[in-house]
């Protein structure tokens, strides 16, 4: 939506993905149903 884009949706997704990569603790992701686009990879 427009509001989400105005508040920096792409930047927020990118920072969340970067935070995942920066973790020094073990992480496990499970795709339960739909894993759609950047919204999932974040």
ModelCIF file with pLDDT and N, C-alpha, C, O atoms, coordinates in Angstrom:
data_MODEL
#
_entry.id   MODEL 
#
_entity.id                         1 
_entity.type                       polymer 
_entity.pdbx_number_of_molecules   1 
#
_entity_poly.entity_id                      1 
_entity_poly.type                           'polypeptide(L)' 
_entity_poly.nstd_linkage                   no 
_entity_poly.nstd_monomer                   no 
_entity_poly.pdbx_seq_one_letter_code       
;(UNK)(UNK)(UNK)(UNK)(UNK)(UNK)(UNK)(UNK)(UNK)(UNK)(UNK)(UNK)(UNK)(UNK)(UNK)(UNK)
(UNK)(UNK)(UNK)(UNK)(UNK)(UNK)(UNK)(UNK)(UNK)(UNK)(UNK)(UNK)(UNK)(UNK)(UNK)(UNK)
(UNK)(UNK)(UNK)(UNK)(UNK)(UNK)(UNK)(UNK)(UNK)(UNK)
;
_entity_poly.pdbx_seq_one_letter_code_can   XXXXXXXXXXXXXXXXXXXXXXXXXXXXXXXXXXXXXXXXXX 
_entity_poly.pdbx_strand_id                 A 
#
loop_
_entity_poly_seq.entity_id 
_entity_poly_seq.num 
_entity_poly_seq.mon_id 
_entity_poly_seq.hetero 
1 1  UNK n 
1 2  UNK n 
1 3  UNK n 
1 4  UNK n 
1 5  UNK n 
1 6  UNK n 
1 7  UNK n 
1 8  UNK n 
1 9  UNK n 
1 10 UNK n 
1 11 UNK n 
1 12 UNK n 
1 13 UNK n 
1 14 UNK n 
1 15 UNK n 
1 16 UNK n 
1 17 UNK n 
1 18 UNK n 
1 19 UNK n 
1 20 UNK n 
1 21 UNK n 
1 22 UNK n 
1 23 UNK n 
1 24 UNK n 
1 25 UNK n 
1 26 UNK n 
1 27 UNK n 
1 28 UNK n 
1 29 UNK n 
1 30 UNK n 
1 31 UNK n 
1 32 UNK n 
1 33 UNK n 
1 34 UNK n 
1 35 UNK n 
1 36 UNK n 
1 37 UNK n 
1 38 UNK n 
1 39 UNK n 
1 40 UNK n 
1 41 UNK n 
1 42 UNK n 
#
_struct_asym.id          A 
_struct_asym.entity_id   1 
#
loop_
_ma_qa_metric.id 
_ma_qa_metric.mode 
_ma_qa_metric.name 
_ma_qa_metric.software_group_id 
_ma_qa_metric.type 
1 global pLDDT . pLDDT 
2 local  pLDDT . pLDDT 
#
_ma_qa_metric_global.metric_id      1 
_ma_qa_metric_global.metric_value   94.76 
_ma_qa_metric_global.model_id       1 
_ma_qa_metric_global.ordinal_id     1 
#
loop_
_ma_qa_metric_local.label_asym_id 
_ma_qa_metric_local.label_comp_id 
_ma_qa_metric_local.label_seq_id 
_ma_qa_metric_local.metric_id 
_ma_qa_metric_local.metric_value 
_ma_qa_metric_local.model_id 
_ma_qa_metric_local.ordinal_id 
A UNK 1  2 93.00 1 1  
A UNK 2  2 95.00 1 2  
A UNK 3  2 93.00 1 3  
A UNK 4  2 93.00 1 4  
A UNK 5  2 94.00 1 5  
A UNK 6  2 93.00 1 6  
A UNK 7  2 94.00 1 7  
A UNK 8  2 93.00 1 8  
A UNK 9  2 94.00 1 9  
A UNK 10 2 94.00 1 10 
A UNK 11 2 95.00 1 11 
A UNK 12 2 96.00 1 12 
A UNK 13 2 96.00 1 13 
A UNK 14 2 96.00 1 14 
A UNK 15 2 96.00 1 15 
A UNK 16 2 96.00 1 16 
A UNK 17 2 96.00 1 17 
A UNK 18 2 96.00 1 18 
A UNK 19 2 96.00 1 19 
A UNK 20 2 96.00 1 20 
A UNK 21 2 96.00 1 21 
A UNK 22 2 95.00 1 22 
A UNK 23 2 96.00 1 23 
A UNK 24 2 96.00 1 24 
A UNK 25 2 97.00 1 25 
A UNK 26 2 97.00 1 26 
A UNK 27 2 97.00 1 27 
A UNK 28 2 98.00 1 28 
A UNK 29 2 97.00 1 29 
A UNK 30 2 98.00 1 30 
A UNK 31 2 97.00 1 31 
A UNK 32 2 97.00 1 32 
A UNK 33 2 94.00 1 33 
A UNK 34 2 94.00 1 34 
A UNK 35 2 93.00 1 35 
A UNK 36 2 90.00 1 36 
A UNK 37 2 88.00 1 37 
A UNK 38 2 90.00 1 38 
A UNK 39 2 91.00 1 39 
A UNK 40 2 94.00 1 40 
A UNK 41 2 94.00 1 41 
A UNK 42 2 96.00 1 42 
#
loop_
_atom_site.group_PDB 
_atom_site.id 
_atom_site.type_symbol 
_atom_site.label_atom_id 
_atom_site.label_alt_id 
_atom_site.label_comp_id 
_atom_site.label_asym_id 
_atom_site.label_entity_id 
_atom_site.label_seq_id 
_atom_site.pdbx_PDB_ins_code 
_atom_site.Cartn_x 
_atom_site.Cartn_y 
_atom_site.Cartn_z 
_atom_site.occupancy 
_atom_site.B_iso_or_equiv 
_atom_site.pdbx_formal_charge 
_atom_site.auth_seq_id 
_atom_site.auth_comp_id 
_atom_site.auth_asym_id 
_atom_site.auth_atom_id 
_atom_site.pdbx_PDB_model_num 
ATOM 1   N N  . UNK A 1 1  ? 0.797  -1.221  0.000  1.00 93.00 ? 1  UNK A N  1 
ATOM 2   C CA . UNK A 1 1  ? 0.000  0.000   0.000  1.00 93.00 ? 1  UNK A CA 1 
ATOM 3   C C  . UNK A 1 1  ? 0.832  1.274   0.000  1.00 93.00 ? 1  UNK A C  1 
ATOM 4   O O  . UNK A 1 1  ? 2.029  1.247   0.287  1.00 93.00 ? 1  UNK A O  1 
ATOM 5   N N  . UNK A 1 2  ? 0.187  2.390   -0.325 1.00 95.00 ? 2  UNK A N  1 
ATOM 6   C CA . UNK A 1 2  ? 0.877  3.676   -0.421 1.00 95.00 ? 2  UNK A CA 1 
ATOM 7   C C  . UNK A 1 2  ? 1.491  4.066   0.919  1.00 95.00 ? 2  UNK A C  1 
ATOM 8   O O  . UNK A 1 2  ? 2.639  4.508   0.970  1.00 95.00 ? 2  UNK A O  1 
ATOM 9   N N  . UNK A 1 3  ? 0.731  3.903   2.009  1.00 93.00 ? 3  UNK A N  1 
ATOM 10  C CA . UNK A 1 3  ? 1.255  4.263   3.327  1.00 93.00 ? 3  UNK A CA 1 
ATOM 11  C C  . UNK A 1 3  ? 2.511  3.491   3.686  1.00 93.00 ? 3  UNK A C  1 
ATOM 12  O O  . UNK A 1 3  ? 3.463  4.049   4.231  1.00 93.00 ? 3  UNK A O  1 
ATOM 13  N N  . UNK A 1 4  ? 2.503  2.184   3.371  1.00 93.00 ? 4  UNK A N  1 
ATOM 14  C CA . UNK A 1 4  ? 3.678  1.363   3.662  1.00 93.00 ? 4  UNK A CA 1 
ATOM 15  C C  . UNK A 1 4  ? 4.884  1.834   2.863  1.00 93.00 ? 4  UNK A C  1 
ATOM 16  O O  . UNK A 1 4  ? 5.998  1.889   3.385  1.00 93.00 ? 4  UNK A O  1 
ATOM 17  N N  . UNK A 1 5  ? 4.663  2.172   1.602  1.00 94.00 ? 5  UNK A N  1 
ATOM 18  C CA . UNK A 1 5  ? 5.769  2.658   0.767  1.00 94.00 ? 5  UNK A CA 1 
ATOM 19  C C  . UNK A 1 5  ? 6.280  4.007   1.274  1.00 94.00 ? 5  UNK A C  1 
ATOM 20  O O  . UNK A 1 5  ? 7.483  4.265   1.273  1.00 94.00 ? 5  UNK A O  1 
ATOM 21  N N  . UNK A 1 6  ? 5.368  4.848   1.698  1.00 93.00 ? 6  UNK A N  1 
ATOM 22  C CA . UNK A 1 6  ? 5.774  6.161   2.215  1.00 93.00 ? 6  UNK A CA 1 
ATOM 23  C C  . UNK A 1 6  ? 6.607  6.032   3.492  1.00 93.00 ? 6  UNK A C  1 
ATOM 24  O O  . UNK A 1 6  ? 7.467  6.869   3.765  1.00 93.00 ? 6  UNK A O  1 
ATOM 25  N N  . UNK A 1 7  ? 6.350  4.996   4.260  1.00 94.00 ? 7  UNK A N  1 
ATOM 26  C CA . UNK A 1 7  ? 7.099  4.800   5.514  1.00 94.00 ? 7  UNK A CA 1 
ATOM 27  C C  . UNK A 1 7  ? 8.346  3.946   5.319  1.00 94.00 ? 7  UNK A C  1 
ATOM 28  O O  . UNK A 1 7  ? 8.992  3.573   6.298  1.00 94.00 ? 7  UNK A O  1 
ATOM 29  N N  . UNK A 1 8  ? 8.698  3.627   4.067  1.00 93.00 ? 8  UNK A N  1 
ATOM 30  C CA . UNK A 1 8  ? 9.976  2.966   3.798  1.00 93.00 ? 8  UNK A CA 1 
ATOM 31  C C  . UNK A 1 8  ? 9.922  1.458   3.799  1.00 93.00 ? 8  UNK A C  1 
ATOM 32  O O  . UNK A 1 8  ? 10.755 0.805   4.427  1.00 93.00 ? 8  UNK A O  1 
ATOM 33  N N  . UNK A 1 9  ? 8.942  0.893   3.095  1.00 94.00 ? 9  UNK A N  1 
ATOM 34  C CA . UNK A 1 9  ? 8.791  -0.561  3.077  1.00 94.00 ? 9  UNK A CA 1 
ATOM 35  C C  . UNK A 1 9  ? 10.041 -1.274  2.567  1.00 94.00 ? 9  UNK A C  1 
ATOM 36  O O  . UNK A 1 9  ? 10.518 -2.211  3.208  1.00 94.00 ? 9  UNK A O  1 
ATOM 37  N N  . UNK A 1 10 ? 10.575 -0.848  1.431  1.00 94.00 ? 10 UNK A N  1 
ATOM 38  C CA . UNK A 1 10 ? 11.745 -1.527  0.853  1.00 94.00 ? 10 UNK A CA 1 
ATOM 39  C C  . UNK A 1 10 ? 12.948 -1.442  1.785  1.00 94.00 ? 10 UNK A C  1 
ATOM 40  O O  . UNK A 1 10 ? 13.683 -2.414  1.955  1.00 94.00 ? 10 UNK A O  1 
ATOM 41  N N  . UNK A 1 11 ? 13.142 -0.271  2.386  1.00 95.00 ? 11 UNK A N  1 
ATOM 42  C CA . UNK A 1 11 ? 14.274 -0.094  3.307  1.00 95.00 ? 11 UNK A CA 1 
ATOM 43  C C  . UNK A 1 11 ? 14.117 -0.981  4.535  1.00 95.00 ? 11 UNK A C  1 
ATOM 44  O O  . UNK A 1 11 ? 15.091 -1.558  5.019  1.00 95.00 ? 11 UNK A O  1 
ATOM 45  N N  . UNK A 1 12 ? 12.876 -1.090  5.044  1.00 96.00 ? 12 UNK A N  1 
ATOM 46  C CA . UNK A 1 12 ? 12.632 -1.914  6.226  1.00 96.00 ? 12 UNK A CA 1 
ATOM 47  C C  . UNK A 1 12 ? 12.897 -3.388  5.927  1.00 96.00 ? 12 UNK A C  1 
ATOM 48  O O  . UNK A 1 12 ? 13.467 -4.099  6.754  1.00 96.00 ? 12 UNK A O  1 
ATOM 49  N N  . UNK A 1 13 ? 12.481 -3.844  4.744  1.00 96.00 ? 13 UNK A N  1 
ATOM 50  C CA . UNK A 1 13 ? 12.735 -5.234  4.344  1.00 96.00 ? 13 UNK A CA 1 
ATOM 51  C C  . UNK A 1 13 ? 14.236 -5.486  4.222  1.00 96.00 ? 13 UNK A C  1 
ATOM 52  O O  . UNK A 1 13 ? 14.736 -6.517  4.671  1.00 96.00 ? 13 UNK A O  1 
ATOM 53  N N  . UNK A 1 14 ? 14.946 -4.545  3.615  1.00 96.00 ? 14 UNK A N  1 
ATOM 54  C CA . UNK A 1 14 ? 16.391 -4.700  3.437  1.00 96.00 ? 14 UNK A CA 1 
ATOM 55  C C  . UNK A 1 14 ? 17.107 -4.751  4.795  1.00 96.00 ? 14 UNK A C  1 
ATOM 56  O O  . UNK A 1 14 ? 18.015 -5.557  4.992  1.00 96.00 ? 14 UNK A O  1 
ATOM 57  N N  . UNK A 1 15 ? 16.693 -3.890  5.718  1.00 96.00 ? 15 UNK A N  1 
ATOM 58  C CA . UNK A 1 15 ? 17.330 -3.879  7.039  1.00 96.00 ? 15 UNK A CA 1 
ATOM 59  C C  . UNK A 1 15 ? 17.015 -5.142  7.836  1.00 96.00 ? 15 UNK A C  1 
ATOM 60  O O  . UNK A 1 15 ? 17.850 -5.625  8.601  1.00 96.00 ? 15 UNK A O  1 
ATOM 61  N N  . UNK A 1 16 ? 15.823 -5.664  7.654  1.00 96.00 ? 16 UNK A N  1 
ATOM 62  C CA . UNK A 1 16 ? 15.478 -6.902  8.333  1.00 96.00 ? 16 UNK A CA 1 
ATOM 63  C C  . UNK A 1 16 ? 16.300 -8.072  7.781  1.00 96.00 ? 16 UNK A C  1 
ATOM 64  O O  . UNK A 1 16 ? 16.776 -8.917  8.539  1.00 96.00 ? 16 UNK A O  1 
ATOM 65  N N  . UNK A 1 17 ? 16.459 -8.109  6.463  1.00 96.00 ? 17 UNK A N  1 
ATOM 66  C CA . UNK A 1 17 ? 17.296 -9.148  5.844  1.00 96.00 ? 17 UNK A CA 1 
ATOM 67  C C  . UNK A 1 17 ? 18.738 -9.034  6.329  1.00 96.00 ? 17 UNK A C  1 
ATOM 68  O O  . UNK A 1 17 ? 19.379 -10.041 6.629  1.00 96.00 ? 17 UNK A O  1 
ATOM 69  N N  . UNK A 1 18 ? 19.247 -7.795  6.405  1.00 96.00 ? 18 UNK A N  1 
ATOM 70  C CA . UNK A 1 18 ? 20.612 -7.579  6.882  1.00 96.00 ? 18 UNK A CA 1 
ATOM 71  C C  . UNK A 1 18 ? 20.750 -7.999  8.341  1.00 96.00 ? 18 UNK A C  1 
ATOM 72  O O  . UNK A 1 18 ? 21.779 -8.550  8.734  1.00 96.00 ? 18 UNK A O  1 
ATOM 73  N N  . UNK A 1 19 ? 19.717 -7.742  9.148  1.00 96.00 ? 19 UNK A N  1 
ATOM 74  C CA . UNK A 1 19 ? 19.764 -8.140  10.553 1.00 96.00 ? 19 UNK A CA 1 
ATOM 75  C C  . UNK A 1 19 ? 19.825 -9.660  10.689 1.00 96.00 ? 19 UNK A C  1 
ATOM 76  O O  . UNK A 1 19 ? 20.530 -10.184 11.551 1.00 96.00 ? 19 UNK A O  1 
ATOM 77  N N  . UNK A 1 20 ? 19.078 -10.366 9.829  1.00 96.00 ? 20 UNK A N  1 
ATOM 78  C CA . UNK A 1 20 ? 19.149 -11.837 9.814  1.00 96.00 ? 20 UNK A CA 1 
ATOM 79  C C  . UNK A 1 20 ? 20.572 -12.307 9.532  1.00 96.00 ? 20 UNK A C  1 
ATOM 80  O O  . UNK A 1 20 ? 21.080 -13.204 10.204 1.00 96.00 ? 20 UNK A O  1 
ATOM 81  N N  . UNK A 1 21 ? 21.211 -11.698 8.536  1.00 96.00 ? 21 UNK A N  1 
ATOM 82  C CA . UNK A 1 21 ? 22.560 -12.108 8.147  1.00 96.00 ? 21 UNK A CA 1 
ATOM 83  C C  . UNK A 1 21 ? 23.591 -11.789 9.227  1.00 96.00 ? 21 UNK A C  1 
ATOM 84  O O  . UNK A 1 21 ? 24.599 -12.485 9.352  1.00 96.00 ? 21 UNK A O  1 
ATOM 85  N N  . UNK A 1 22 ? 23.336 -10.732 10.013 1.00 95.00 ? 22 UNK A N  1 
ATOM 86  C CA . UNK A 1 22 ? 24.311 -10.282 11.006 1.00 95.00 ? 22 UNK A CA 1 
ATOM 87  C C  . UNK A 1 22 ? 24.254 -11.065 12.307 1.00 95.00 ? 22 UNK A C  1 
ATOM 88  O O  . UNK A 1 22 ? 25.166 -10.956 13.127 1.00 95.00 ? 22 UNK A O  1 
ATOM 89  N N  . UNK A 1 23 ? 23.199 -11.854 12.517 1.00 96.00 ? 23 UNK A N  1 
ATOM 90  C CA . UNK A 1 23 ? 23.048 -12.581 13.787 1.00 96.00 ? 23 UNK A CA 1 
ATOM 91  C C  . UNK A 1 23 ? 24.249 -13.475 14.084 1.00 96.00 ? 23 UNK A C  1 
ATOM 92  O O  . UNK A 1 23 ? 24.774 -14.149 13.197 1.00 96.00 ? 23 UNK A O  1 
ATOM 93  N N  . UNK A 1 24 ? 24.674 -13.469 15.347 1.00 96.00 ? 24 UNK A N  1 
ATOM 94  C CA . UNK A 1 24 ? 25.738 -14.370 15.781 1.00 96.00 ? 24 UNK A CA 1 
ATOM 95  C C  . UNK A 1 24 ? 25.189 -15.549 16.576 1.00 96.00 ? 24 UNK A C  1 
ATOM 96  O O  . UNK A 1 24 ? 25.944 -16.343 17.138 1.00 96.00 ? 24 UNK A O  1 
ATOM 97  N N  . UNK A 1 25 ? 23.874 -15.651 16.612 1.00 97.00 ? 25 UNK A N  1 
ATOM 98  C CA . UNK A 1 25 ? 23.224 -16.794 17.262 1.00 97.00 ? 25 UNK A CA 1 
ATOM 99  C C  . UNK A 1 25 ? 22.588 -17.661 16.180 1.00 97.00 ? 25 UNK A C  1 
ATOM 100 O O  . UNK A 1 25 ? 22.275 -17.157 15.102 1.00 97.00 ? 25 UNK A O  1 
ATOM 101 N N  . UNK A 1 26 ? 22.390 -18.949 16.440 1.00 97.00 ? 26 UNK A N  1 
ATOM 102 C CA . UNK A 1 26 ? 21.776 -19.827 15.434 1.00 97.00 ? 26 UNK A CA 1 
ATOM 103 C C  . UNK A 1 26 ? 20.366 -19.362 15.091 1.00 97.00 ? 26 UNK A C  1 
ATOM 104 O O  . UNK A 1 26 ? 19.628 -18.901 15.961 1.00 97.00 ? 26 UNK A O  1 
ATOM 105 N N  . UNK A 1 27 ? 19.997 -19.486 13.826 1.00 97.00 ? 27 UNK A N  1 
ATOM 106 C CA . UNK A 1 27 ? 18.651 -19.117 13.395 1.00 97.00 ? 27 UNK A CA 1 
ATOM 107 C C  . UNK A 1 27 ? 18.090 -20.194 12.481 1.00 97.00 ? 27 UNK A C  1 
ATOM 108 O O  . UNK A 1 27 ? 18.791 -20.737 11.627 1.00 97.00 ? 27 UNK A O  1 
ATOM 109 N N  . UNK A 1 28 ? 16.816 -20.488 12.678 1.00 98.00 ? 28 UNK A N  1 
ATOM 110 C CA . UNK A 1 28 ? 16.110 -21.485 11.866 1.00 98.00 ? 28 UNK A CA 1 
ATOM 111 C C  . UNK A 1 28 ? 14.813 -20.866 11.376 1.00 98.00 ? 28 UNK A C  1 
ATOM 112 O O  . UNK A 1 28 ? 14.029 -20.346 12.170 1.00 98.00 ? 28 UNK A O  1 
ATOM 113 N N  . UNK A 1 29 ? 14.585 -20.921 10.072 1.00 97.00 ? 29 UNK A N  1 
ATOM 114 C CA . UNK A 1 29 ? 13.344 -20.409 9.479  1.00 97.00 ? 29 UNK A CA 1 
ATOM 115 C C  . UNK A 1 29 ? 12.521 -21.579 8.963  1.00 97.00 ? 29 UNK A C  1 
ATOM 116 O O  . UNK A 1 29 ? 13.064 -22.548 8.433  1.00 97.00 ? 29 UNK A O  1 
ATOM 117 N N  . UNK A 1 30 ? 11.198 -21.477 9.123  1.00 98.00 ? 30 UNK A N  1 
ATOM 118 C CA . UNK A 1 30 ? 10.290 -22.500 8.621  1.00 98.00 ? 30 UNK A CA 1 
ATOM 119 C C  . UNK A 1 30 ? 9.225  -21.832 7.759  1.00 98.00 ? 30 UNK A C  1 
ATOM 120 O O  . UNK A 1 30 ? 8.516  -20.938 8.222  1.00 98.00 ? 30 UNK A O  1 
ATOM 121 N N  . UNK A 1 31 ? 9.114  -22.264 6.508  1.00 97.00 ? 31 UNK A N  1 
ATOM 122 C CA . UNK A 1 31 ? 8.042  -21.774 5.636  1.00 97.00 ? 31 UNK A CA 1 
ATOM 123 C C  . UNK A 1 31 ? 6.820  -22.656 5.898  1.00 97.00 ? 31 UNK A C  1 
ATOM 124 O O  . UNK A 1 31 ? 6.795  -23.830 5.530  1.00 97.00 ? 31 UNK A O  1 
ATOM 125 N N  . UNK A 1 32 ? 5.814  -22.068 6.537  1.00 97.00 ? 32 UNK A N  1 
ATOM 126 C CA . UNK A 1 32 ? 4.638  -22.827 6.969  1.00 97.00 ? 32 UNK A CA 1 
ATOM 127 C C  . UNK A 1 32 ? 3.603  -23.005 5.862  1.00 97.00 ? 32 UNK A C  1 
ATOM 128 O O  . UNK A 1 32 ? 3.010  -24.074 5.719  1.00 97.00 ? 32 UNK A O  1 
ATOM 129 N N  . UNK A 1 33 ? 3.395  -21.947 5.083  1.00 94.00 ? 33 UNK A N  1 
ATOM 130 C CA . UNK A 1 33 ? 2.383  -21.970 4.029  1.00 94.00 ? 33 UNK A CA 1 
ATOM 131 C C  . UNK A 1 33 ? 2.900  -21.268 2.800  1.00 94.00 ? 33 UNK A C  1 
ATOM 132 O O  . UNK A 1 33 ? 3.522  -21.887 1.937  1.00 94.00 ? 33 UNK A O  1 
ATOM 133 N N  . UNK A 1 34 ? 2.644  -19.973 2.718  1.00 94.00 ? 34 UNK A N  1 
ATOM 134 C CA . UNK A 1 34 ? 3.171  -19.159 1.621  1.00 94.00 ? 34 UNK A CA 1 
ATOM 135 C C  . UNK A 1 34 ? 4.444  -18.444 2.064  1.00 94.00 ? 34 UNK A C  1 
ATOM 136 O O  . UNK A 1 34 ? 4.494  -17.860 3.147  1.00 94.00 ? 34 UNK A O  1 
ATOM 137 N N  . UNK A 1 35 ? 5.456  -18.495 1.231  1.00 93.00 ? 35 UNK A N  1 
ATOM 138 C CA . UNK A 1 35 ? 6.653  -17.688 1.438  1.00 93.00 ? 35 UNK A CA 1 
ATOM 139 C C  . UNK A 1 35 ? 6.758  -16.760 0.256  1.00 93.00 ? 35 UNK A C  1 
ATOM 140 O O  . UNK A 1 35 ? 7.339  -17.117 -0.768 1.00 93.00 ? 35 UNK A O  1 
ATOM 141 N N  . UNK A 1 36 ? 6.200  -15.565 0.386  1.00 90.00 ? 36 UNK A N  1 
ATOM 142 C CA . UNK A 1 36 ? 6.080  -14.683 -0.754 1.00 90.00 ? 36 UNK A CA 1 
ATOM 143 C C  . UNK A 1 36 ? 7.053  -13.527 -0.783 1.00 90.00 ? 36 UNK A C  1 
ATOM 144 O O  . UNK A 1 36 ? 7.012  -12.657 0.087  1.00 90.00 ? 36 UNK A O  1 
ATOM 145 N N  . UNK A 1 37 ? 7.927  -13.507 -1.774 1.00 88.00 ? 37 UNK A N  1 
ATOM 146 C CA . UNK A 1 37 ? 8.753  -12.357 -2.132 1.00 88.00 ? 37 UNK A CA 1 
ATOM 147 C C  . UNK A 1 37 ? 9.627  -11.855 -0.978 1.00 88.00 ? 37 UNK A C  1 
ATOM 148 O O  . UNK A 1 37 ? 9.981  -12.612 -0.075 1.00 88.00 ? 37 UNK A O  1 
ATOM 149 N N  . UNK A 1 38 ? 9.969  -10.552 -1.028 1.00 90.00 ? 38 UNK A N  1 
ATOM 150 C CA . UNK A 1 38 ? 10.808 -9.961  0.010  1.00 90.00 ? 38 UNK A CA 1 
ATOM 151 C C  . UNK A 1 38 ? 10.162 -9.986  1.369  1.00 90.00 ? 38 UNK A C  1 
ATOM 152 O O  . UNK A 1 38 ? 10.849 -9.980  2.390  1.00 90.00 ? 38 UNK A O  1 
ATOM 153 N N  . UNK A 1 39 ? 8.832  -10.015 1.391  1.00 91.00 ? 39 UNK A N  1 
ATOM 154 C CA . UNK A 1 39 ? 8.128  -10.101 2.659  1.00 91.00 ? 39 UNK A CA 1 
ATOM 155 C C  . UNK A 1 39 ? 8.483  -11.353 3.430  1.00 91.00 ? 39 UNK A C  1 
ATOM 156 O O  . UNK A 1 39 ? 8.445  -11.357 4.660  1.00 91.00 ? 39 UNK A O  1 
ATOM 157 N N  . UNK A 1 40 ? 8.831  -12.427 2.716  1.00 94.00 ? 40 UNK A N  1 
ATOM 158 C CA . UNK A 1 40 ? 9.233  -13.674 3.357  1.00 94.00 ? 40 UNK A CA 1 
ATOM 159 C C  . UNK A 1 40 ? 10.728 -13.678 3.666  1.00 94.00 ? 40 UNK A C  1 
ATOM 160 O O  . UNK A 1 40 ? 11.137 -14.001 4.781  1.00 94.00 ? 40 UNK A O  1 
ATOM 161 N N  . UNK A 1 41 ? 11.540 -13.319 2.672  1.00 94.00 ? 41 UNK A N  1 
ATOM 162 C CA . UNK A 1 41 ? 12.995 -13.410 2.848  1.00 94.00 ? 41 UNK A CA 1 
ATOM 163 C C  . UNK A 1 41 ? 13.485 -12.487 3.953  1.00 94.00 ? 41 UNK A C  1 
ATOM 164 O O  . UNK A 1 41 ? 14.552 -12.719 4.521  1.00 94.00 ? 41 UNK A O  1 
ATOM 165 N N  . UNK A 1 42 ? 12.718 -11.435 4.271  1.00 96.00 ? 42 UNK A N  1 
ATOM 166 C CA . UNK A 1 42 ? 13.102 -10.484 5.307  1.00 96.00 ? 42 UNK A CA 1 
ATOM 167 C C  . UNK A 1 42 ? 13.274 -11.143 6.666  1.00 96.00 ? 42 UNK A C  1 
ATOM 168 O O  . UNK A 1 42 ? 13.597 -10.468 7.643  1.00 96.00 ? 42 UNK A O  1 
#
